[in-house]
Amino acid sequence: MEYKDYELIIRDLIEKKNNTTDEKERENLSNKIKKLCHEANQNLTSWDRVCIARNRMHPKAEDYIKRLFTNFVELHGDRFYGDDKAIISGIGLFHDIPVTVIAQAKGKTTEENIERNFGMSNPEGYRKAIRIAKQAEKFKRPIITFVDTAGAYPGKDAEERGQAEAIAKCLYEFSTLETPVICVVIGEGGSGGALALSLGDCIIMLENSIYSVLSPEGFSSILWKDETRCKEASEMMKLTAYDLREKGIVDEIIKEPFGGAQNNFSEVIKLLDESMYKRIKELRKVSKSSLLSNRYKKYRNIGVY
């Protein structure tokens, strides 16, 4: 049975449960729903997870910032060209610990996505990230990044302003930051656009997020000259959280309810909050030299079997 079939059956059972007043029947329906949700989650394909990660209602960076941090103050601009709304950056408190947050932002409506450039950053976005990250290093604040982009913006203007150089500089600067960096992949993690904000001491992925060198559509169009083979491509690319943990790229996976984090966001926030707090406490005890050495080893070991 495919994911969409499970979705239809579960939706129908939920409707029946909501329309009955018989407590015994409600209990039976609840048990059926739980069983089917568990079964569906066990049988999700890579393409199913791609679709969930791209779901319009999947929580976005702004939702996580509002729920995880207090007294958040957004900081704007790269001090070279302008402000890129595809990246939200600022300072907030996390369990009373001052932290810096840098997040790739998408919208939930067409208007919001146009404003955020569909989460695809221009060079000034990456340069803003570097500026805010260096500020965090200066004041010894841990950095938390949220990754959710199909890739860096590929437009002519972005290339003219040095898109590739900005991403490369981001990677260089983040590799040498003398402060803890925790990266959280909350949706799509695509191409160098995602990699620029996911070089850190720990990578956490939501269960139904993806992280890859390019999109399945891009992969299939390059390899087979056929975009319609994207489902097949997604299986070959090993882009799910479980694939990446197996390869030692991802450190931890945050479980999601059936259909994605939006179906029980409070529980996802609870799990992520616990994970991030534990990681920050551990990393703050590590000396600067050990922090940089461990980060270097982490990335040098990727691909070594």
C-alpha atoms as a PDB file:
ATOM      1  CA  MET A   1       0.000   0.000   0.000  1.00  0.00           C
ATOM      2  CA  GLU A   2       1.330   3.442  -0.938  1.00  0.00           C
ATOM      3  CA  TYR A   3       1.618   6.474   1.350  1.00  0.00           C
ATOM      4  CA  LYS A   4      -1.342   8.278  -0.290  1.00  0.00           C
ATOM      5  CA  ASP A   5      -3.532   5.194   0.355  1.00  0.00           C
ATOM      6  CA  TYR A   6      -2.610   5.213   4.042  1.00  0.00           C
ATOM      7  CA  GLU A   7      -3.332   8.937   4.126  1.00  0.00           C
ATOM      8  CA  LEU A   8      -6.851   8.502   2.723  1.00  0.00           C
ATOM      9  CA  ILE A   9      -7.696   5.623   5.073  1.00  0.00           C
ATOM     10  CA  ILE A  10      -6.373   7.426   8.153  1.00  0.00           C
ATOM     11  CA  ARG A  11      -8.203  10.627   7.218  1.00  0.00           C
ATOM     12  CA  ASP A  12     -11.434   8.637   6.866  1.00  0.00           C
ATOM     13  CA  LEU A  13     -10.928   6.953  10.257  1.00  0.00           C
ATOM     14  CA  ILE A  14     -10.243  10.303  11.951  1.00  0.00           C
ATOM     15  CA  GLU A  15     -13.460  11.696  10.486  1.00  0.00           C
ATOM     16  CA  LYS A  16     -15.432   8.687  11.765  1.00  0.00           C
ATOM     17  CA  LYS A  17     -13.860   9.057  15.193  1.00  0.00           C
ATOM     18  CA  ASN A  18     -14.790  12.749  15.346  1.00  0.00           C
ATOM     19  CA  ASN A  19     -18.384  11.994  14.347  1.00  0.00           C
ATOM     20  CA  THR A  20     -19.115   9.275  16.886  1.00  0.00           C
ATOM     21  CA  THR A  21     -20.078   9.673  20.533  1.00  0.00           C
ATOM     22  CA  ASP A  22     -19.663   5.996  21.404  1.00  0.00           C
ATOM     23  CA  GLU A  23     -16.604   5.844  23.662  1.00  0.00           C
ATOM     24  CA  LYS A  24     -15.817   2.202  22.860  1.00  0.00           C
ATOM     25  CA  GLU A  25     -15.947   2.876  19.123  1.00  0.00           C
ATOM     26  CA  ARG A  26     -13.776   5.976  19.548  1.00  0.00           C
ATOM     27  CA  GLU A  27     -11.206   3.904  21.405  1.00  0.00           C
ATOM     28  CA  ASN A  28     -11.229   1.202  18.720  1.00  0.00           C
ATOM     29  CA  LEU A  29     -10.823   3.807  15.991  1.00  0.00           C
ATOM     30  CA  SER A  30      -7.973   5.468  17.901  1.00  0.00           C
ATOM     31  CA  ASN A  31      -6.151   2.152  18.124  1.00  0.00           C
ATOM     32  CA  LYS A  32      -6.666   1.528  14.404  1.00  0.00           C
ATOM     33  CA  ILE A  33      -5.342   4.988  13.559  1.00  0.00           C
ATOM     34  CA  LYS A  34      -2.238   4.481  15.738  1.00  0.00           C
ATOM     35  CA  LYS A  35      -1.576   1.076  14.188  1.00  0.00           C
ATOM     36  CA  LEU A  36      -1.942   2.392  10.634  1.00  0.00           C
ATOM     37  CA  CYS A  37       0.231   5.450  11.337  1.00  0.00           C
ATOM     38  CA  HIS A  38       2.979   3.216  12.708  1.00  0.00           C
ATOM     39  CA  GLU A  39       2.690   0.859   9.738  1.00  0.00           C
ATOM     40  CA  ALA A  40       2.739   3.757   7.264  1.00  0.00           C
ATOM     41  CA  ASN A  41       5.827   5.323   8.864  1.00  0.00           C
ATOM     42  CA  GLN A  42       7.633   1.991   8.618  1.00  0.00           C
ATOM     43  CA  ASN A  43       6.892   1.755   4.893  1.00  0.00           C
ATOM     44  CA  LEU A  44       7.687   5.285   3.733  1.00  0.00           C
ATOM     45  CA  THR A  45       9.803   5.465   0.584  1.00  0.00           C
ATOM     46  CA  SER A  46      12.490   8.096   0.000  1.00  0.00           C
ATOM     47  CA  TRP A  47      10.126   9.883  -2.381  1.00  0.00           C
ATOM     48  CA  ASP A  48       7.395   9.918   0.278  1.00  0.00           C
ATOM     49  CA  ARG A  49       9.817  11.702   2.623  1.00  0.00           C
ATOM     50  CA  VAL A  50      10.724  14.183  -0.140  1.00  0.00           C
ATOM     51  CA  CYS A  51       7.014  15.009  -0.544  1.00  0.00           C
ATOM     52  CA  ILE A  52       6.513  15.401   3.218  1.00  0.00           C
ATOM     53  CA  ALA A  53       9.576  17.676   3.476  1.00  0.00           C
ATOM     54  CA  ARG A  54       8.129  19.865   0.703  1.00  0.00           C
ATOM     55  CA  ASN A  55       4.602  19.965   2.154  1.00  0.00           C
ATOM     56  CA  ARG A  56       3.329  23.542   2.141  1.00  0.00           C
ATOM     57  CA  MET A  57       2.109  23.189   5.742  1.00  0.00           C
ATOM     58  CA  HIS A  58       5.346  21.657   7.058  1.00  0.00           C
ATOM     59  CA  PRO A  59       6.619  23.969   9.862  1.00  0.00           C
ATOM     60  CA  LYS A  60       9.058  26.589   8.642  1.00  0.00           C
ATOM     61  CA  ALA A  61      12.076  28.205  10.320  1.00  0.00           C
ATOM     62  CA  GLU A  62       9.965  31.034  11.728  1.00  0.00           C
ATOM     63  CA  ASP A  63       7.722  28.514  13.507  1.00  0.00           C
ATOM     64  CA  TYR A  64      10.742  26.902  15.199  1.00  0.00           C
ATOM     65  CA  ILE A  65      12.221  30.236  16.225  1.00  0.00           C
ATOM     66  CA  LYS A  66       8.953  31.329  17.852  1.00  0.00           C
ATOM     67  CA  ARG A  67       8.599  28.077  19.807  1.00  0.00           C
ATOM     68  CA  LEU A  68      12.221  27.444  20.837  1.00  0.00           C
ATOM     69  CA  PHE A  69      13.647  30.876  21.674  1.00  0.00           C
ATOM     70  CA  THR A  70      12.634  33.797  23.856  1.00  0.00           C
ATOM     71  CA  ASN A  71      13.473  37.493  23.424  1.00  0.00           C
ATOM     72  CA  PHE A  72      14.506  36.898  19.819  1.00  0.00           C
ATOM     73  CA  VAL A  73      15.830  40.000  18.070  1.00  0.00           C
ATOM     74  CA  GLU A  74      16.352  39.808  14.306  1.00  0.00           C
ATOM     75  CA  LEU A  75      19.498  41.350  12.817  1.00  0.00           C
ATOM     76  CA  HIS A  76      19.544  42.497   9.194  1.00  0.00           C
ATOM     77  CA  GLY A  77      21.980  43.135   6.377  1.00  0.00           C
ATOM     78  CA  ASP A  78      25.399  41.953   5.222  1.00  0.00           C
ATOM     79  CA  ARG A  79      27.006  45.446   5.388  1.00  0.00           C
ATOM     80  CA  PHE A  80      28.009  45.074   1.720  1.00  0.00           C
ATOM     81  CA  TYR A  81      24.898  45.015  -0.457  1.00  0.00           C
ATOM     82  CA  GLY A  82      21.619  44.553   1.399  1.00  0.00           C
ATOM     83  CA  ASP A  83      19.371  42.303   3.437  1.00  0.00           C
ATOM     84  CA  ASP A  84      18.289  38.895   2.181  1.00  0.00           C
ATOM     85  CA  LYS A  85      14.873  37.861   3.506  1.00  0.00           C
ATOM     86  CA  ALA A  86      15.565  34.230   2.584  1.00  0.00           C
ATOM     87  CA  ILE A  87      17.704  34.094   5.736  1.00  0.00           C
ATOM     88  CA  ILE A  88      16.506  35.059   9.207  1.00  0.00           C
ATOM     89  CA  SER A  89      19.321  35.805  11.650  1.00  0.00           C
ATOM     90  CA  GLY A  90      19.379  37.150  15.158  1.00  0.00           C
ATOM     91  CA  ILE A  91      19.973  36.702  18.861  1.00  0.00           C
ATOM     92  CA  GLY A  92      17.710  35.030  21.396  1.00  0.00           C
ATOM     93  CA  LEU A  93      17.641  33.063  24.635  1.00  0.00           C
ATOM     94  CA  PHE A  94      17.501  29.281  24.702  1.00  0.00           C
ATOM     95  CA  HIS A  95      16.934  27.986  28.250  1.00  0.00           C
ATOM     96  CA  ASP A  96      18.349  31.374  29.383  1.00  0.00           C
ATOM     97  CA  ILE A  97      21.511  30.783  27.313  1.00  0.00           C
ATOM     98  CA  PRO A  98      22.239  33.601  24.808  1.00  0.00           C
ATOM     99  CA  VAL A  99      22.430  32.034  21.341  1.00  0.00           C
ATOM    100  CA  THR A 100      22.706  33.164  17.741  1.00  0.00           C
ATOM    101  CA  VAL A 101      20.147  31.805  15.276  1.00  0.00           C
ATOM    102  CA  ILE A 102      20.657  31.666  11.498  1.00  0.00           C
ATOM    103  CA  ALA A 103      17.791  30.133   9.535  1.00  0.00           C
ATOM    104  CA  GLN A 104      16.790  29.588   5.929  1.00  0.00           C
ATOM    105  CA  ALA A 105      13.228  30.836   5.626  1.00  0.00           C
ATOM    106  CA  LYS A 106      10.409  29.694   3.370  1.00  0.00           C
ATOM    107  CA  GLY A 107       6.803  30.851   3.380  1.00  0.00           C
ATOM    108  CA  LYS A 108       3.503  28.974   3.590  1.00  0.00           C
ATOM    109  CA  THR A 109       1.633  31.053   1.032  1.00  0.00           C
ATOM    110  CA  THR A 110       2.617  32.201  -2.453  1.00  0.00           C
ATOM    111  CA  GLU A 111       2.994  35.781  -1.206  1.00  0.00           C
ATOM    112  CA  GLU A 112       5.240  34.723   1.687  1.00  0.00           C
ATOM    113  CA  ASN A 113       7.348  32.538  -0.597  1.00  0.00           C
ATOM    114  CA  ILE A 114       7.838  35.382  -3.062  1.00  0.00           C
ATOM    115  CA  GLU A 115       8.945  37.642  -0.192  1.00  0.00           C
ATOM    116  CA  ARG A 116      11.365  34.946   1.041  1.00  0.00           C
ATOM    117  CA  ASN A 117      12.478  34.046  -2.516  1.00  0.00           C
ATOM    118  CA  PHE A 118      11.223  30.489  -1.815  1.00  0.00           C
ATOM    119  CA  GLY A 119      14.025  30.045   0.736  1.00  0.00           C
ATOM    120  CA  MET A 120      16.752  30.425  -1.915  1.00  0.00           C
ATOM    121  CA  SER A 121      19.455  32.776  -0.697  1.00  0.00           C
ATOM    122  CA  ASN A 122      21.379  35.369  -2.653  1.00  0.00           C
ATOM    123  CA  PRO A 123      25.074  36.076  -1.891  1.00  0.00           C
ATOM    124  CA  GLU A 124      24.121  38.792   0.589  1.00  0.00           C
ATOM    125  CA  GLY A 125      22.226  36.155   2.592  1.00  0.00           C
ATOM    126  CA  TYR A 126      25.342  34.037   3.044  1.00  0.00           C
ATOM    127  CA  ARG A 127      27.431  37.131   3.792  1.00  0.00           C
ATOM    128  CA  LYS A 128      24.874  38.137   6.412  1.00  0.00           C
ATOM    129  CA  ALA A 129      25.196  34.647   7.921  1.00  0.00           C
ATOM    130  CA  ILE A 130      28.986  35.041   8.103  1.00  0.00           C
ATOM    131  CA  ARG A 131      28.681  38.481   9.751  1.00  0.00           C
ATOM    132  CA  ILE A 132      26.255  37.218  12.385  1.00  0.00           C
ATOM    133  CA  ALA A 133      28.309  34.047  12.987  1.00  0.00           C
ATOM    134  CA  LYS A 134      31.517  36.041  13.536  1.00  0.00           C
ATOM    135  CA  GLN A 135      29.636  38.255  15.977  1.00  0.00           C
ATOM    136  CA  ALA A 136      28.522  35.113  17.853  1.00  0.00           C
ATOM    137  CA  GLU A 137      32.130  33.923  18.003  1.00  0.00           C
ATOM    138  CA  LYS A 138      33.245  37.274  19.428  1.00  0.00           C
ATOM    139  CA  PHE A 139      30.669  37.133  22.233  1.00  0.00           C
ATOM    140  CA  LYS A 140      31.013  33.354  22.777  1.00  0.00           C
ATOM    141  CA  ARG A 141      27.417  32.561  21.832  1.00  0.00           C
ATOM    142  CA  PRO A 142      26.539  29.072  20.513  1.00  0.00           C
ATOM    143  CA  ILE A 143      25.146  29.139  16.966  1.00  0.00           C
ATOM    144  CA  ILE A 144      22.044  27.228  15.865  1.00  0.00           C
ATOM    145  CA  THR A 145      21.269  27.031  12.151  1.00  0.00           C
ATOM    146  CA  PHE A 146      18.031  25.827  10.558  1.00  0.00           C
ATOM    147  CA  VAL A 147      18.405  24.380   7.072  1.00  0.00           C
ATOM    148  CA  ASP A 148      15.453  24.404   4.672  1.00  0.00           C
ATOM    149  CA  THR A 149      16.178  25.280   1.049  1.00  0.00           C
ATOM    150  CA  ALA A 150      16.002  23.696  -2.380  1.00  0.00           C
ATOM    151  CA  GLY A 151      19.347  25.393  -3.055  1.00  0.00           C
ATOM    152  CA  ALA A 152      21.037  28.756  -3.442  1.00  0.00           C
ATOM    153  CA  TYR A 153      19.342  31.178  -5.833  1.00  0.00           C
ATOM    154  CA  PRO A 154      20.691  30.451  -9.360  1.00  0.00           C
ATOM    155  CA  GLY A 155      19.757  33.801 -10.947  1.00  0.00           C
ATOM    156  CA  LYS A 156      22.047  35.937 -13.107  1.00  0.00           C
ATOM    157  CA  ASP A 157      22.200  38.750 -10.520  1.00  0.00           C
ATOM    158  CA  ALA A 158      23.234  36.307  -7.788  1.00  0.00           C
ATOM    159  CA  GLU A 159      26.040  34.933  -9.951  1.00  0.00           C
ATOM    160  CA  GLU A 160      27.224  38.458 -10.798  1.00  0.00           C
ATOM    161  CA  ARG A 161      27.397  39.296  -7.081  1.00  0.00           C
ATOM    162  CA  GLY A 162      29.542  36.216  -6.328  1.00  0.00           C
ATOM    163  CA  GLN A 163      27.180  33.420  -5.291  1.00  0.00           C
ATOM    164  CA  ALA A 164      29.811  30.650  -5.426  1.00  0.00           C
ATOM    165  CA  GLU A 165      32.380  32.744  -3.550  1.00  0.00           C
ATOM    166  CA  ALA A 166      29.850  33.629  -0.839  1.00  0.00           C
ATOM    167  CA  ILE A 167      28.994  29.946  -0.256  1.00  0.00           C
ATOM    168  CA  ALA A 168      32.667  28.946  -0.250  1.00  0.00           C
ATOM    169  CA  LYS A 169      33.479  31.729   2.237  1.00  0.00           C
ATOM    170  CA  CYS A 170      30.591  30.572   4.428  1.00  0.00           C
ATOM    171  CA  LEU A 171      32.013  27.039   4.513  1.00  0.00           C
ATOM    172  CA  TYR A 172      35.494  28.353   5.294  1.00  0.00           C
ATOM    173  CA  GLU A 173      34.365  30.646   8.104  1.00  0.00           C
ATOM    174  CA  PHE A 174      32.034  28.109   9.741  1.00  0.00           C
ATOM    175  CA  SER A 175      34.781  25.473   9.704  1.00  0.00           C
ATOM    176  CA  THR A 176      36.973  27.678  11.896  1.00  0.00           C
ATOM    177  CA  LEU A 177      34.441  29.306  14.245  1.00  0.00           C
ATOM    178  CA  GLU A 178      35.606  29.038  17.853  1.00  0.00           C
ATOM    179  CA  THR A 179      32.103  28.568  19.214  1.00  0.00           C
ATOM    180  CA  PRO A 180      29.697  25.579  19.118  1.00  0.00           C
ATOM    181  CA  VAL A 181      27.601  25.237  15.951  1.00  0.00           C
ATOM    182  CA  ILE A 182      24.484  23.032  15.886  1.00  0.00           C
ATOM    183  CA  CYS A 183      22.766  22.501  12.527  1.00  0.00           C
ATOM    184  CA  VAL A 184      19.137  21.368  12.239  1.00  0.00           C
ATOM    185  CA  VAL A 185      17.707  20.211   8.903  1.00  0.00           C
ATOM    186  CA  ILE A 186      13.962  20.875   9.147  1.00  0.00           C
ATOM    187  CA  GLY A 187      12.807  20.344   5.546  1.00  0.00           C
ATOM    188  CA  GLU A 188      14.717  20.372   2.286  1.00  0.00           C
ATOM    189  CA  GLY A 189      18.480  20.420   2.484  1.00  0.00           C
ATOM    190  CA  GLY A 190      19.473  20.960  -1.107  1.00  0.00           C
ATOM    191  CA  SER A 191      22.836  21.564  -2.792  1.00  0.00           C
ATOM    192  CA  GLY A 192      25.532  24.033  -1.707  1.00  0.00           C
ATOM    193  CA  GLY A 193      22.790  26.381  -0.577  1.00  0.00           C
ATOM    194  CA  ALA A 194      22.063  24.036   2.326  1.00  0.00           C
ATOM    195  CA  LEU A 195      25.673  22.986   2.893  1.00  0.00           C
ATOM    196  CA  ALA A 196      26.673  26.614   3.529  1.00  0.00           C
ATOM    197  CA  LEU A 197      24.665  26.603   6.779  1.00  0.00           C
ATOM    198  CA  SER A 198      25.197  22.991   7.804  1.00  0.00           C
ATOM    199  CA  LEU A 199      28.884  22.885   8.632  1.00  0.00           C
ATOM    200  CA  GLY A 200      29.011  22.493  12.372  1.00  0.00           C
ATOM    201  CA  ASP A 201      29.752  20.280  15.350  1.00  0.00           C
ATOM    202  CA  CYS A 202      26.459  18.414  15.212  1.00  0.00           C
ATOM    203  CA  ILE A 203      23.852  17.826  12.503  1.00  0.00           C
ATOM    204  CA  ILE A 204      20.308  17.004  13.601  1.00  0.00           C
ATOM    205  CA  MET A 205      17.659  16.028  11.047  1.00  0.00           C
ATOM    206  CA  LEU A 206      13.922  15.752  11.339  1.00  0.00           C
ATOM    207  CA  GLU A 207      12.783  12.264  10.398  1.00  0.00           C
ATOM    208  CA  ASN A 208      11.062  13.412   7.213  1.00  0.00           C
ATOM    209  CA  SER A 209      13.605  15.987   6.092  1.00  0.00           C
ATOM    210  CA  ILE A 210      16.052  15.430   3.235  1.00  0.00           C
ATOM    211  CA  TYR A 211      19.668  16.445   2.632  1.00  0.00           C
ATOM    212  CA  SER A 212      21.397  15.970  -0.706  1.00  0.00           C
ATOM    213  CA  VAL A 213      23.737  17.347  -3.349  1.00  0.00           C
ATOM    214  CA  LEU A 214      20.752  18.348  -5.529  1.00  0.00           C
ATOM    215  CA  SER A 215      17.042  17.643  -5.979  1.00  0.00           C
ATOM    216  CA  PRO A 216      15.797  14.258  -7.246  1.00  0.00           C
ATOM    217  CA  GLU A 217      14.431  16.070 -10.317  1.00  0.00           C
ATOM    218  CA  GLY A 218      17.845  17.588 -10.996  1.00  0.00           C
ATOM    219  CA  PHE A 219      19.576  14.247 -10.448  1.00  0.00           C
ATOM    220  CA  SER A 220      17.280  12.385 -12.865  1.00  0.00           C
ATOM    221  CA  SER A 221      17.468  15.113 -15.509  1.00  0.00           C
ATOM    222  CA  ILE A 222      21.288  15.028 -15.419  1.00  0.00           C
ATOM    223  CA  LEU A 223      21.713  11.254 -15.194  1.00  0.00           C
ATOM    224  CA  TRP A 224      18.878  10.077 -17.450  1.00  0.00           C
ATOM    225  CA  LYS A 225      17.735  13.304 -19.174  1.00  0.00           C
ATOM    226  CA  ASP A 226      14.320  12.498 -17.737  1.00  0.00           C
ATOM    227  CA  GLU A 227      12.847  14.457 -14.792  1.00  0.00           C
ATOM    228  CA  THR A 228       9.942  12.011 -14.450  1.00  0.00           C
ATOM    229  CA  ARG A 229      12.282   9.402 -12.929  1.00  0.00           C
ATOM    230  CA  CYS A 230      12.633  11.479  -9.764  1.00  0.00           C
ATOM    231  CA  LYS A 231      11.125   8.730  -7.565  1.00  0.00           C
ATOM    232  CA  GLU A 232      13.779   6.298  -8.726  1.00  0.00           C
ATOM    233  CA  ALA A 233      16.445   8.983  -8.293  1.00  0.00           C
ATOM    234  CA  SER A 234      15.418   9.697  -4.686  1.00  0.00           C
ATOM    235  CA  GLU A 235      16.031   6.049  -3.757  1.00  0.00           C
ATOM    236  CA  MET A 236      19.481   6.062  -5.362  1.00  0.00           C
ATOM    237  CA  MET A 237      20.557   9.361  -3.801  1.00  0.00           C
ATOM    238  CA  LYS A 238      20.329   8.145  -0.168  1.00  0.00           C
ATOM    239  CA  LEU A 239      18.969  11.505   0.930  1.00  0.00           C
ATOM    240  CA  THR A 240      16.825  10.556   3.934  1.00  0.00           C
ATOM    241  CA  ALA A 241      17.793  11.079   7.556  1.00  0.00           C
ATOM    242  CA  TYR A 242      18.197   7.323   8.086  1.00  0.00           C
ATOM    243  CA  ASP A 243      20.442   6.947   5.025  1.00  0.00           C
ATOM    244  CA  LEU A 244      22.638   9.810   6.192  1.00  0.00           C
ATOM    245  CA  ARG A 245      22.887   8.627   9.792  1.00  0.00           C
ATOM    246  CA  GLU A 246      24.023   5.245   8.506  1.00  0.00           C
ATOM    247  CA  LYS A 247      26.817   6.999   6.587  1.00  0.00           C
ATOM    248  CA  GLY A 248      27.875   9.006   9.640  1.00  0.00           C
ATOM    249  CA  ILE A 249      26.855  12.372   8.192  1.00  0.00           C
ATOM    250  CA  VAL A 250      23.937  13.004  10.554  1.00  0.00           C
ATOM    251  CA  ASP A 251      24.305  12.722  14.335  1.00  0.00           C
ATOM    252  CA  GLU A 252      20.668  12.506  15.442  1.00  0.00           C
ATOM    253  CA  ILE A 253      17.163  12.062  14.049  1.00  0.00           C
ATOM    254  CA  ILE A 254      14.092  13.736  15.569  1.00  0.00           C
ATOM    255  CA  LYS A 255      10.982  11.583  15.187  1.00  0.00           C
ATOM    256  CA  GLU A 256       7.926  13.044  13.472  1.00  0.00           C
ATOM    257  CA  PRO A 257       4.248  12.007  13.546  1.00  0.00           C
ATOM    258  CA  PHE A 258       2.639  10.442  10.483  1.00  0.00           C
ATOM    259  CA  GLY A 259       2.451  12.999   7.686  1.00  0.00           C
ATOM    260  CA  GLY A 260       5.029  15.376   9.116  1.00  0.00           C
ATOM    261  CA  ALA A 261       5.840  17.666  12.045  1.00  0.00           C
ATOM    262  CA  GLN A 262       2.758  19.834  11.421  1.00  0.00           C
ATOM    263  CA  ASN A 263       0.521  17.017  12.727  1.00  0.00           C
ATOM    264  CA  ASN A 264       1.971  17.221  16.249  1.00  0.00           C
ATOM    265  CA  PHE A 265       4.322  20.169  16.293  1.00  0.00           C
ATOM    266  CA  SER A 266       4.396  20.435  20.091  1.00  0.00           C
ATOM    267  CA  GLU A 267       5.862  16.944  20.417  1.00  0.00           C
ATOM    268  CA  VAL A 268       8.473  17.619  17.720  1.00  0.00           C
ATOM    269  CA  ILE A 269       9.446  20.873  19.464  1.00  0.00           C
ATOM    270  CA  LYS A 270       9.773  19.013  22.781  1.00  0.00           C
ATOM    271  CA  LEU A 271      12.113  16.394  21.280  1.00  0.00           C
ATOM    272  CA  LEU A 272      14.170  18.968  19.388  1.00  0.00           C
ATOM    273  CA  ASP A 273      14.411  21.243  22.435  1.00  0.00           C
ATOM    274  CA  GLU A 274      15.750  18.377  24.555  1.00  0.00           C
ATOM    275  CA  SER A 275      18.254  17.360  21.900  1.00  0.00           C
ATOM    276  CA  MET A 276      19.565  20.893  21.291  1.00  0.00           C
ATOM    277  CA  TYR A 277      19.875  21.650  25.011  1.00  0.00           C
ATOM    278  CA  LYS A 278      21.815  18.447  25.622  1.00  0.00           C
ATOM    279  CA  ARG A 279      24.160  19.174  22.691  1.00  0.00           C
ATOM    280  CA  ILE A 280      24.789  22.778  23.745  1.00  0.00           C
ATOM    281  CA  LYS A 281      25.605  21.738  27.326  1.00  0.00           C
ATOM    282  CA  GLU A 282      28.099  19.148  26.052  1.00  0.00           C
ATOM    283  CA  LEU A 283      29.744  21.419  23.472  1.00  0.00           C
ATOM    284  CA  ARG A 284      30.165  24.357  25.860  1.00  0.00           C
ATOM    285  CA  LYS A 285      32.408  22.174  28.023  1.00  0.00           C
ATOM    286  CA  VAL A 286      34.775  21.440  25.131  1.00  0.00           C
ATOM    287  CA  SER A 287      37.909  23.578  24.736  1.00  0.00           C
ATOM    288  CA  LYS A 288      38.312  25.706  21.597  1.00  0.00           C
ATOM    289  CA  SER A 289      41.171  23.596  20.272  1.00  0.00           C
ATOM    290  CA  SER A 290      39.247  20.346  20.796  1.00  0.00           C
ATOM    291  CA  LEU A 291      36.102  21.861  19.276  1.00  0.00           C
ATOM    292  CA  LEU A 292      37.941  22.762  16.052  1.00  0.00           C
ATOM    293  CA  SER A 293      39.834  19.470  15.984  1.00  0.00           C
ATOM    294  CA  ASN A 294      36.642  17.415  16.414  1.00  0.00           C
ATOM    295  CA  ARG A 295      34.847  19.441  13.749  1.00  0.00           C
ATOM    296  CA  TYR A 296      37.735  18.903  11.326  1.00  0.00           C
ATOM    297  CA  LYS A 297      37.764  15.140  11.999  1.00  0.00           C
ATOM    298  CA  LYS A 298      33.979  14.934  11.595  1.00  0.00           C
ATOM    299  CA  TYR A 299      34.104  16.229   8.032  1.00  0.00           C
ATOM    300  CA  ARG A 300      37.346  14.477   7.066  1.00  0.00           C
ATOM    301  CA  ASN A 301      35.748  11.157   8.048  1.00  0.00           C
ATOM    302  CA  ILE A 302      32.726  11.594   5.785  1.00  0.00           C
ATOM    303  CA  GLY A 303      32.938   9.061   2.978  1.00  0.00           C
ATOM    304  CA  VAL A 304      35.567   6.942   4.776  1.00  0.00           C
ATOM    305  CA  TYR A 305      34.397   3.359   5.330  1.00  0.00           C
END
